């Protein structure tokens, strides 16, 4: 089976506080392209503004209180080609 090249995924975070070092280390589980952090309010406006900055084919919304478990990207990335 031929392996697909790894895709870069922009990561979008809507937050009003600085991201912790622990949270930023968590991003190393992803083949992240750009990290896009937006702090506007209301939330719907912030998400819209963030989407306008995405340059990759795929992007991922992450809340600032989410920590990804080990192996998460490996499992989720299988669905990108579908």
Protein backbone atom coordinates (compact mmCIF):
# COMPACT_ATOMS: atom_id res chain seq x y z
CA UNK A 1 0.00 0.00 0.00
CA UNK A 2 1.44 3.37 -1.05
CA UNK A 3 1.67 5.84 1.80
CA UNK A 4 0.12 9.28 1.26
CA UNK A 5 2.35 12.31 1.88
CA UNK A 6 1.62 13.92 5.21
CA UNK A 7 -0.72 16.88 4.87
CA UNK A 8 -0.21 20.13 6.70
CA UNK A 9 -3.21 21.28 8.68
CA UNK A 10 -3.70 24.83 9.91
CA UNK A 11 -4.77 24.92 13.56
CA UNK A 12 -7.32 27.56 14.60
CA UNK A 13 -7.70 28.55 18.24
CA UNK A 14 -10.22 31.10 19.49
CA UNK A 15 -9.16 32.30 22.93
CA UNK A 16 -8.97 35.36 25.14
CA UNK A 17 -5.98 34.16 27.13
CA UNK A 18 -2.37 33.30 26.29
CA UNK A 19 -1.81 29.67 25.32
CA UNK A 20 0.18 27.69 27.88
CA UNK A 21 3.49 26.02 27.08
CA UNK A 22 1.88 22.66 27.83
CA UNK A 23 -0.88 23.39 25.32
CA UNK A 24 1.62 24.45 22.66
CA UNK A 25 3.62 21.23 23.22
CA UNK A 26 0.38 19.37 22.57
CA UNK A 27 0.40 20.75 19.02
CA UNK A 28 3.52 18.72 18.23
CA UNK A 29 1.21 15.74 17.70
CA UNK A 30 -0.10 17.43 14.55
CA UNK A 31 1.54 18.10 11.21
CA UNK A 32 0.59 21.71 11.85
CA UNK A 33 0.91 24.32 9.17
CA UNK A 34 0.00 27.69 10.61
CA UNK A 35 -1.17 28.30 14.17
CA UNK A 36 -3.96 30.87 13.90
CA UNK A 37 -4.97 32.42 17.22
CA UNK A 38 -7.89 34.86 17.31
CA UNK A 39 -9.30 36.57 20.38
CA UNK A 40 -12.23 38.55 19.00
CA UNK A 41 -15.71 38.36 20.38
CA UNK A 42 -18.35 37.17 19.89
CA UNK A 43 -17.17 33.64 19.24
CA UNK A 44 -18.91 33.39 15.87
CA UNK A 45 -17.07 36.50 14.61
CA UNK A 46 -13.74 35.20 15.90
CA UNK A 47 -14.21 31.89 14.11
CA UNK A 48 -15.14 33.64 10.89
CA UNK A 49 -12.05 35.88 11.10
CA UNK A 50 -9.85 32.86 11.78
CA UNK A 51 -11.21 30.88 8.81
CA UNK A 52 -10.31 33.80 6.54
CA UNK A 53 -6.66 33.31 7.55
CA UNK A 54 -6.51 29.57 6.79
CA UNK A 55 -4.24 28.73 3.83
CA UNK A 56 -4.11 24.94 3.97
CA UNK A 57 -6.57 22.54 2.37
CA UNK A 58 -7.63 21.33 5.83
CA UNK A 59 -7.89 23.12 9.16
CA UNK A 60 -8.72 22.14 12.71
CA UNK A 61 -10.57 24.15 15.34
CA UNK A 62 -9.18 23.52 18.82
CA UNK A 63 -10.43 25.06 22.02
CA UNK A 64 -7.78 26.39 24.37
CA UNK A 65 -8.72 23.83 27.03
CA UNK A 66 -8.44 20.75 24.79
CA UNK A 67 -5.52 18.34 25.10
CA UNK A 68 -5.16 15.74 22.37
CA UNK A 69 -4.48 12.14 23.33
CA UNK A 70 -1.54 10.22 21.93
CA UNK A 71 -2.29 8.73 18.51
CA UNK A 72 -5.17 11.10 17.83
CA UNK A 73 -3.76 12.51 14.59
CA UNK A 74 -2.85 9.10 13.20
CA UNK A 75 -6.44 7.97 13.62
CA UNK A 76 -8.13 11.17 12.38
CA UNK A 77 -5.88 11.68 9.35
CA UNK A 78 -7.18 8.47 7.77
CA UNK A 79 -10.39 10.35 6.96
CA UNK A 80 -8.74 13.24 5.09
CA UNK A 81 -8.60 11.38 1.80
CA UNK A 82 -12.28 10.44 1.87
